[in-house]
C-alpha atoms as a PDB file:
ATOM      1  CA  MET A   1       0.000   0.000   0.000  1.00  0.00           C
ATOM      2  CA  ASN A   2       1.541   3.323  -1.025  1.00  0.00           C
ATOM      3  CA  ALA A   3       1.070   6.642   0.764  1.00  0.00           C
ATOM      4  CA  ALA A   4      -1.734   7.708  -1.598  1.00  0.00           C
ATOM      5  CA  THR A   5      -3.814   4.560  -1.027  1.00  0.00           C
ATOM      6  CA  PRO A   6      -6.590   4.907   1.567  1.00  0.00           C
ATOM      7  CA  LEU A   7      -6.339   2.650   4.587  1.00  0.00           C
ATOM      8  CA  LEU A   8      -9.981   1.679   3.980  1.00  0.00           C
ATOM      9  CA  GLU A   9     -12.052   2.096   0.839  1.00  0.00           C
ATOM     10  CA  LEU A  10     -15.615   1.111  -0.062  1.00  0.00           C
ATOM     11  CA  ARG A  11     -16.366   1.133  -3.778  1.00  0.00           C
ATOM     12  CA  ASP A  12     -20.031   1.126  -4.828  1.00  0.00           C
ATOM     13  CA  VAL A  13     -20.920  -1.314  -2.040  1.00  0.00           C
ATOM     14  CA  ARG A  14     -24.422  -2.772  -2.052  1.00  0.00           C
ATOM     15  CA  ILE A  15     -25.727  -5.089   0.664  1.00  0.00           C
ATOM     16  CA  ALA A  16     -29.086  -6.836   0.657  1.00  0.00           C
ATOM     17  CA  TYR A  17     -31.029  -8.825   3.231  1.00  0.00           C
ATOM     18  CA  GLY A  18     -33.248 -10.999   1.080  1.00  0.00           C
ATOM     19  CA  GLY A  19     -34.992  -8.546  -1.218  1.00  0.00           C
ATOM     20  CA  ILE A  20     -34.295  -5.517   0.968  1.00  0.00           C
ATOM     21  CA  GLN A  21     -31.434  -3.238  -0.063  1.00  0.00           C
ATOM     22  CA  ALA A  22     -29.798  -2.175   3.213  1.00  0.00           C
ATOM     23  CA  VAL A  23     -26.830  -0.355   1.632  1.00  0.00           C
ATOM     24  CA  LYS A  24     -27.118   1.153  -1.833  1.00  0.00           C
ATOM     25  CA  GLY A  25     -23.963   1.940  -3.767  1.00  0.00           C
ATOM     26  CA  LEU A  26     -21.880   3.291  -0.887  1.00  0.00           C
ATOM     27  CA  ASN A  27     -18.531   4.937  -1.560  1.00  0.00           C
ATOM     28  CA  LEU A  28     -16.371   6.056   1.329  1.00  0.00           C
ATOM     29  CA  HIS A  29     -12.754   6.000   2.419  1.00  0.00           C
ATOM     30  CA  LEU A  30     -10.531   6.565   5.436  1.00  0.00           C
ATOM     31  CA  ASN A  31      -6.959   7.708   5.257  1.00  0.00           C
ATOM     32  CA  ALA A  32      -4.486   6.549   7.870  1.00  0.00           C
ATOM     33  CA  GLY A  33      -4.694   8.641  11.025  1.00  0.00           C
ATOM     34  CA  GLU A  34      -8.192  10.032  10.463  1.00  0.00           C
ATOM     35  CA  LEU A  35     -11.191   9.954  12.787  1.00  0.00           C
ATOM     36  CA  VAL A  36     -14.292   9.717  10.602  1.00  0.00           C
ATOM     37  CA  SER A  37     -17.896   9.619  11.814  1.00  0.00           C
ATOM     38  CA  LEU A  38     -20.737   7.788  10.085  1.00  0.00           C
ATOM     39  CA  ILE A  39     -24.103   9.155  11.174  1.00  0.00           C
ATOM     40  CA  GLY A  40     -27.719   8.493  10.290  1.00  0.00           C
ATOM     41  CA  ALA A  41     -31.048   7.459  11.783  1.00  0.00           C
ATOM     42  CA  ASN A  42     -31.843   3.947  13.005  1.00  0.00           C
ATOM     43  CA  GLY A  43     -32.041   1.596  10.037  1.00  0.00           C
ATOM     44  CA  ALA A  44     -29.858   3.789   7.827  1.00  0.00           C
ATOM     45  CA  GLY A  45     -27.370   0.960   7.211  1.00  0.00           C
ATOM     46  CA  LYS A  46     -24.562   2.035   9.529  1.00  0.00           C
ATOM     47  CA  SER A  47     -24.099  -1.237  11.425  1.00  0.00           C
ATOM     48  CA  THR A  48     -24.509  -3.205   8.211  1.00  0.00           C
ATOM     49  CA  THR A  49     -21.688  -1.162   6.697  1.00  0.00           C
ATOM     50  CA  LEU A  50     -19.383  -1.927   9.625  1.00  0.00           C
ATOM     51  CA  LYS A  51     -20.128  -5.643   9.397  1.00  0.00           C
ATOM     52  CA  ALA A  52     -19.198  -5.600   5.713  1.00  0.00           C
ATOM     53  CA  ILE A  53     -15.956  -3.765   6.464  1.00  0.00           C
ATOM     54  CA  CYS A  54     -14.811  -6.373   8.985  1.00  0.00           C
ATOM     55  CA  GLY A  55     -15.805  -9.330   6.805  1.00  0.00           C
ATOM     56  CA  LEU A  56     -18.932 -10.471   8.654  1.00  0.00           C
ATOM     57  CA  LEU A  57     -21.221  -9.645   5.711  1.00  0.00           C
ATOM     58  CA  ALA A  58     -20.473 -10.076   2.013  1.00  0.00           C
ATOM     59  CA  PRO A  59     -21.624  -7.254  -0.284  1.00  0.00           C
ATOM     60  CA  SER A  60     -23.973  -8.286  -3.077  1.00  0.00           C
ATOM     61  CA  SER A  61     -21.849  -6.054  -5.318  1.00  0.00           C
ATOM     62  CA  GLY A  62     -19.014  -3.592  -5.007  1.00  0.00           C
ATOM     63  CA  GLU A  63     -15.826  -3.980  -3.017  1.00  0.00           C
ATOM     64  CA  VAL A  64     -14.403  -3.267   0.425  1.00  0.00           C
ATOM     65  CA  ARG A  65     -10.623  -2.828   0.502  1.00  0.00           C
ATOM     66  CA  TYR A  66      -8.403  -2.627   3.585  1.00  0.00           C
ATOM     67  CA  LEU A  67      -4.660  -2.007   3.300  1.00  0.00           C
ATOM     68  CA  GLY A  68      -5.163  -2.168  -0.467  1.00  0.00           C
ATOM     69  CA  GLN A  69      -6.563  -5.730  -0.397  1.00  0.00           C
ATOM     70  CA  ALA A  70     -10.116  -6.980  -0.902  1.00  0.00           C
ATOM     71  CA  VAL A  71     -11.781  -7.849   2.412  1.00  0.00           C
ATOM     72  CA  HIS A  72     -14.062 -10.549   0.977  1.00  0.00           C
ATOM     73  CA  ALA A  73     -11.063 -12.756   0.135  1.00  0.00           C
ATOM     74  CA  GLN A  74     -10.025 -12.931   3.807  1.00  0.00           C
ATOM     75  CA  GLY A  75     -11.511 -14.276   7.023  1.00  0.00           C
ATOM     76  CA  PRO A  76     -12.485 -11.848   9.800  1.00  0.00           C
ATOM     77  CA  TRP A  77      -9.713 -13.300  11.998  1.00  0.00           C
ATOM     78  CA  GLU A  78      -7.156 -12.498   9.289  1.00  0.00           C
ATOM     79  CA  LEU A  79      -8.370  -8.908   9.235  1.00  0.00           C
ATOM     80  CA  VAL A  80      -8.040  -8.680  13.026  1.00  0.00           C
ATOM     81  CA  ALA A  81      -4.469  -9.945  12.722  1.00  0.00           C
ATOM     82  CA  GLN A  82      -3.862  -7.053  10.287  1.00  0.00           C
ATOM     83  CA  GLY A  83      -5.246  -4.507  12.725  1.00  0.00           C
ATOM     84  CA  LEU A  84      -8.890  -4.151  11.633  1.00  0.00           C
ATOM     85  CA  VAL A  85     -10.844  -4.403  14.893  1.00  0.00           C
ATOM     86  CA  MET A  86     -14.500  -3.673  15.750  1.00  0.00           C
ATOM     87  CA  VAL A  87     -16.290  -2.935  19.004  1.00  0.00           C
ATOM     88  CA  PRO A  88     -19.786  -4.121  18.052  1.00  0.00           C
ATOM     89  CA  GLU A  89     -23.107  -2.636  19.039  1.00  0.00           C
ATOM     90  CA  GLY A  90     -24.199  -4.455  22.195  1.00  0.00           C
ATOM     91  CA  ARG A  91     -20.525  -4.881  23.226  1.00  0.00           C
ATOM     92  CA  GLY A  92     -20.230  -8.624  22.522  1.00  0.00           C
ATOM     93  CA  ILE A  93     -18.355  -9.454  25.703  1.00  0.00           C
ATOM     94  CA  PHE A  94     -17.911 -13.031  26.913  1.00  0.00           C
ATOM     95  CA  ALA A  95     -20.380 -12.973  29.809  1.00  0.00           C
ATOM     96  CA  ARG A  96     -19.169 -16.149  31.552  1.00  0.00           C
ATOM     97  CA  MET A  97     -15.522 -15.177  31.454  1.00  0.00           C
ATOM     98  CA  SER A  98     -13.787 -12.783  33.820  1.00  0.00           C
ATOM     99  CA  ILE A  99     -12.715  -9.273  32.916  1.00  0.00           C
ATOM    100  CA  ASP A 100      -9.100 -10.425  32.721  1.00  0.00           C
ATOM    101  CA  GLU A 101      -9.990 -13.384  30.491  1.00  0.00           C
ATOM    102  CA  ASN A 102     -11.985 -11.118  28.163  1.00  0.00           C
ATOM    103  CA  LEU A 103      -9.013  -8.801  27.779  1.00  0.00           C
ATOM    104  CA  ARG A 104      -6.711 -11.701  26.997  1.00  0.00           C
ATOM    105  CA  MET A 105      -9.104 -12.850  24.269  1.00  0.00           C
ATOM    106  CA  GLY A 106      -8.427  -9.520  22.578  1.00  0.00           C
ATOM    107  CA  ALA A 107      -4.754 -10.494  22.369  1.00  0.00           C
ATOM    108  CA  TYR A 108      -5.473 -14.060  21.206  1.00  0.00           C
ATOM    109  CA  LEU A 109      -3.735 -13.640  17.830  1.00  0.00           C
ATOM    110  CA  ARG A 110      -0.707 -11.788  19.176  1.00  0.00           C
ATOM    111  CA  ARG A 111       2.686 -13.463  19.478  1.00  0.00           C
ATOM    112  CA  ASP A 112       4.687 -10.604  20.978  1.00  0.00           C
ATOM    113  CA  GLY A 113       5.865 -10.190  24.551  1.00  0.00           C
ATOM    114  CA  GLU A 114       3.973  -6.981  25.381  1.00  0.00           C
ATOM    115  CA  VAL A 115       0.503  -8.315  26.200  1.00  0.00           C
ATOM    116  CA  GLU A 116       0.917  -7.923  29.968  1.00  0.00           C
ATOM    117  CA  ALA A 117       2.027  -4.317  29.539  1.00  0.00           C
ATOM    118  CA  ASP A 118      -0.998  -3.608  27.346  1.00  0.00           C
ATOM    119  CA  ILE A 119      -3.359  -5.182  29.899  1.00  0.00           C
ATOM    120  CA  ALA A 120      -1.810  -2.952  32.561  1.00  0.00           C
ATOM    121  CA  SER A 121      -2.382   0.036  30.254  1.00  0.00           C
ATOM    122  CA  VAL A 122      -6.074  -0.864  29.868  1.00  0.00           C
ATOM    123  CA  TYR A 123      -6.421  -1.159  33.645  1.00  0.00           C
ATOM    124  CA  GLN A 124      -4.785   2.234  34.036  1.00  0.00           C
ATOM    125  CA  ARG A 125      -7.251   3.666  31.510  1.00  0.00           C
ATOM    126  CA  PHE A 126     -10.224   1.945  33.177  1.00  0.00           C
ATOM    127  CA  PRO A 127      -9.505   1.627  36.929  1.00  0.00           C
ATOM    128  CA  ARG A 128     -12.961   0.165  37.572  1.00  0.00           C
ATOM    129  CA  LEU A 129     -12.001  -2.857  35.490  1.00  0.00           C
ATOM    130  CA  LYS A 130      -8.814  -3.365  37.485  1.00  0.00           C
ATOM    131  CA  GLU A 131     -10.787  -3.309  40.740  1.00  0.00           C
ATOM    132  CA  ARG A 132     -13.053  -6.075  39.389  1.00  0.00           C
ATOM    133  CA  HIS A 133     -10.584  -8.003  37.202  1.00  0.00           C
ATOM    134  CA  ARG A 134     -11.687 -11.420  38.514  1.00  0.00           C
ATOM    135  CA  GLN A 135     -15.409 -10.615  38.211  1.00  0.00           C
ATOM    136  CA  LEU A 136     -17.529 -12.304  35.537  1.00  0.00           C
ATOM    137  CA  ALA A 137     -18.130  -9.890  32.675  1.00  0.00           C
ATOM    138  CA  GLY A 138     -21.833 -10.662  32.546  1.00  0.00           C
ATOM    139  CA  THR A 139     -22.293  -9.191  36.030  1.00  0.00           C
ATOM    140  CA  LEU A 140     -20.903  -5.759  35.081  1.00  0.00           C
ATOM    141  CA  SER A 141     -22.993  -2.654  34.487  1.00  0.00           C
ATOM    142  CA  GLY A 142     -23.592  -1.479  30.922  1.00  0.00           C
ATOM    143  CA  GLY A 143     -20.907   1.180  31.216  1.00  0.00           C
ATOM    144  CA  GLU A 144     -18.377  -1.265  32.623  1.00  0.00           C
ATOM    145  CA  GLN A 145     -19.156  -3.733  29.832  1.00  0.00           C
ATOM    146  CA  GLN A 146     -18.521  -0.988  27.263  1.00  0.00           C
ATOM    147  CA  MET A 147     -15.183  -0.196  28.913  1.00  0.00           C
ATOM    148  CA  LEU A 148     -14.331  -3.893  28.740  1.00  0.00           C
ATOM    149  CA  ALA A 149     -15.320  -4.170  25.075  1.00  0.00           C
ATOM    150  CA  MET A 150     -13.107  -1.210  24.207  1.00  0.00           C
ATOM    151  CA  GLY A 151     -10.255  -2.525  26.330  1.00  0.00           C
ATOM    152  CA  ARG A 152     -10.467  -5.919  24.641  1.00  0.00           C
ATOM    153  CA  ALA A 153     -10.326  -4.223  21.219  1.00  0.00           C
ATOM    154  CA  LEU A 154      -7.245  -2.252  22.252  1.00  0.00           C
ATOM    155  CA  LEU A 155      -5.507  -5.514  23.237  1.00  0.00           C
ATOM    156  CA  ALA A 156      -5.635  -6.447  19.535  1.00  0.00           C
ATOM    157  CA  ARG A 157      -3.504  -3.347  18.781  1.00  0.00           C
ATOM    158  CA  PRO A 158      -5.779  -1.946  16.064  1.00  0.00           C
ATOM    159  CA  LYS A 159      -4.628   0.081  13.095  1.00  0.00           C
ATOM    160  CA  LEU A 160      -8.287   0.743  12.231  1.00  0.00           C
ATOM    161  CA  LEU A 161     -10.847   0.724  15.051  1.00  0.00           C
ATOM    162  CA  LEU A 162     -14.545   0.458  14.165  1.00  0.00           C
ATOM    163  CA  LEU A 163     -16.876   1.639  16.922  1.00  0.00           C
ATOM    164  CA  ASP A 164     -20.589   0.831  16.639  1.00  0.00           C
ATOM    165  CA  GLU A 165     -22.692   2.999  18.975  1.00  0.00           C
ATOM    166  CA  PRO A 166     -20.172   2.968  21.849  1.00  0.00           C
ATOM    167  CA  THR A 167     -22.218   5.296  24.100  1.00  0.00           C
ATOM    168  CA  MET A 168     -25.723   3.917  23.520  1.00  0.00           C
ATOM    169  CA  GLY A 169     -27.720   3.689  26.746  1.00  0.00           C
ATOM    170  CA  LEU A 170     -24.907   4.889  28.995  1.00  0.00           C
ATOM    171  CA  ALA A 171     -25.017   7.488  31.765  1.00  0.00           C
ATOM    172  CA  PRO A 172     -23.649  10.942  30.784  1.00  0.00           C
ATOM    173  CA  ILE A 173     -20.526  10.603  32.951  1.00  0.00           C
ATOM    174  CA  ILE A 174     -19.662   7.294  31.254  1.00  0.00           C
ATOM    175  CA  VAL A 175     -20.405   8.800  27.830  1.00  0.00           C
ATOM    176  CA  ASP A 176     -17.833  11.517  28.536  1.00  0.00           C
ATOM    177  CA  GLN A 177     -15.278   8.910  29.574  1.00  0.00           C
ATOM    178  CA  ILE A 178     -15.838   6.782  26.462  1.00  0.00           C
ATOM    179  CA  PHE A 179     -15.472   9.781  24.148  1.00  0.00           C
ATOM    180  CA  GLU A 180     -12.265  10.797  25.935  1.00  0.00           C
ATOM    181  CA  VAL A 181     -10.867   7.300  25.401  1.00  0.00           C
ATOM    182  CA  VAL A 182     -11.755   7.496  21.685  1.00  0.00           C
ATOM    183  CA  ARG A 183      -9.938  10.835  21.432  1.00  0.00           C
ATOM    184  CA  ASP A 184      -6.915   9.466  23.247  1.00  0.00           C
ATOM    185  CA  VAL A 185      -6.715   6.334  21.091  1.00  0.00           C
ATOM    186  CA  HIS A 186      -6.932   8.504  17.979  1.00  0.00           C
ATOM    187  CA  ARG A 187      -4.181  10.808  19.265  1.00  0.00           C
ATOM    188  CA  GLN A 188      -1.969   7.735  19.598  1.00  0.00           C
ATOM    189  CA  GLY A 189      -2.244   7.158  15.843  1.00  0.00           C
ATOM    190  CA  VAL A 190      -5.153   4.707  15.517  1.00  0.00           C
ATOM    191  CA  THR A 191      -7.519   5.397  12.625  1.00  0.00           C
ATOM    192  CA  VAL A 192     -11.134   5.414  13.834  1.00  0.00           C
ATOM    193  CA  LEU A 193     -14.480   4.959  12.108  1.00  0.00           C
ATOM    194  CA  LEU A 194     -17.165   5.971  14.590  1.00  0.00           C
ATOM    195  CA  VAL A 195     -20.860   5.109  14.255  1.00  0.00           C
ATOM    196  CA  GLU A 196     -22.692   7.106  16.895  1.00  0.00           C
ATOM    197  CA  GLN A 197     -26.283   8.218  17.561  1.00  0.00           C
ATOM    198  CA  ASN A 198     -25.036  11.329  19.349  1.00  0.00           C
ATOM    199  CA  ALA A 199     -24.364  13.176  16.106  1.00  0.00           C
ATOM    200  CA  GLN A 200     -23.320  16.392  17.837  1.00  0.00           C
ATOM    201  CA  ARG A 201     -20.527  14.728  19.805  1.00  0.00           C
ATOM    202  CA  ALA A 202     -19.533  12.517  16.879  1.00  0.00           C
ATOM    203  CA  LEU A 203     -19.104  15.506  14.567  1.00  0.00           C
ATOM    204  CA  GLU A 204     -17.338  17.621  17.179  1.00  0.00           C
ATOM    205  CA  MET A 205     -14.548  15.063  17.485  1.00  0.00           C
ATOM    206  CA  ALA A 206     -14.260  13.913  13.851  1.00  0.00           C
ATOM    207  CA  ASP A 207     -12.067  15.072  10.984  1.00  0.00           C
ATOM    208  CA  ARG A 208     -14.658  14.145   8.351  1.00  0.00           C
ATOM    209  CA  ALA A 209     -18.102  12.563   8.304  1.00  0.00           C
ATOM    210  CA  TYR A 210     -20.577  10.720   6.104  1.00  0.00           C
ATOM    211  CA  VAL A 211     -24.362  10.792   6.461  1.00  0.00           C
ATOM    212  CA  LEU A 212     -26.415   7.731   5.529  1.00  0.00           C
ATOM    213  CA  ASP A 213     -30.157   7.784   4.916  1.00  0.00           C
ATOM    214  CA  SER A 214     -32.004   4.548   4.077  1.00  0.00           C
ATOM    215  CA  GLY A 215     -28.766   2.939   2.909  1.00  0.00           C
ATOM    216  CA  GLU A 216     -27.694   5.807   0.669  1.00  0.00           C
ATOM    217  CA  LEU A 217     -24.911   8.317   1.143  1.00  0.00           C
ATOM    218  CA  VAL A 218     -26.660  11.701   1.194  1.00  0.00           C
ATOM    219  CA  LEU A 219     -23.975  14.020   2.583  1.00  0.00           C
ATOM    220  CA  GLN A 220     -20.245  14.027   3.199  1.00  0.00           C
ATOM    221  CA  GLY A 221     -17.612  16.583   4.083  1.00  0.00           C
ATOM    222  CA  THR A 222     -15.488  17.877   6.894  1.00  0.00           C
ATOM    223  CA  ALA A 223     -17.049  17.547  10.321  1.00  0.00           C
ATOM    224  CA  ARG A 224     -17.171  21.327  10.645  1.00  0.00           C
ATOM    225  CA  GLU A 225     -19.037  21.644   7.338  1.00  0.00           C
ATOM    226  CA  LEU A 226     -21.637  19.118   8.410  1.00  0.00           C
ATOM    227  CA  LEU A 227     -22.038  20.679  11.864  1.00  0.00           C
ATOM    228  CA  ASN A 228     -22.957  23.916  10.092  1.00  0.00           C
ATOM    229  CA  ASP A 229     -25.158  22.286   7.442  1.00  0.00           C
ATOM    230  CA  ALA A 230     -28.826  23.214   7.935  1.00  0.00           C
ATOM    231  CA  ARG A 231     -29.981  19.772   6.762  1.00  0.00           C
ATOM    232  CA  VAL A 232     -27.808  18.002   9.328  1.00  0.00           C
ATOM    233  CA  GLN A 233     -28.862  20.417  12.045  1.00  0.00           C
ATOM    234  CA  ALA A 234     -32.551  19.830  11.311  1.00  0.00           C
ATOM    235  CA  ALA A 235     -32.330  16.045  11.004  1.00  0.00           C
ATOM    236  CA  TYR A 236     -29.742  15.095  13.620  1.00  0.00           C
ATOM    237  CA  LEU A 237     -28.820  18.006  15.868  1.00  0.00           C
ATOM    238  CA  GLY A 238     -32.265  19.119  17.025  1.00  0.00           C
ATOM    239  CA  ALA A 239     -32.008  22.569  15.430  1.00  0.00           C
END
């Protein structure tokens, strides 16, 4: 991959569930080091798009490319090994495993000697997890489970981190903490694609953004441009 090649690129991607077109000819890209937000109403196709990016759904047509290679030719585990990592909507933690065991699952494909240091870093970032490290993940609060899901993703050492509704249903103080972690991870050089219902916060922290409506790309631009766009303000920002 040369310097001009996007880290991630979707080319005319279409995804169907039976006869229903969930994503309709989507084109988007992320350059290395960017934080890009993908916003839209429920059912707009945002989560479907993320699943296609990480190889969990095959497009009916078009192509998803990561690091210059087609995603559909690789297994999701191969993409994780190359640094493409998702925190799914609903968190997807292993409920009957401890916090510590969940974190170690994030490092399952790693063969380096720095896993323990990275676990310590996650515990430093999320002290509440350290206090409860032997506790079963299924007994945690929603906010603690989201911290764990993000910590587990960080143990995979992502190059590209996909976040699907990371603050949904969380208390405001936890929302602030999650957004601060996203900012910090991005500052450390991780490229981030953020799907988030809180469009105001998502746009305030992003470099660029895309707006999906019923599976179609209807707007794109810098985050500042979209924050000031009357259509975005009316539809998503409560103006």
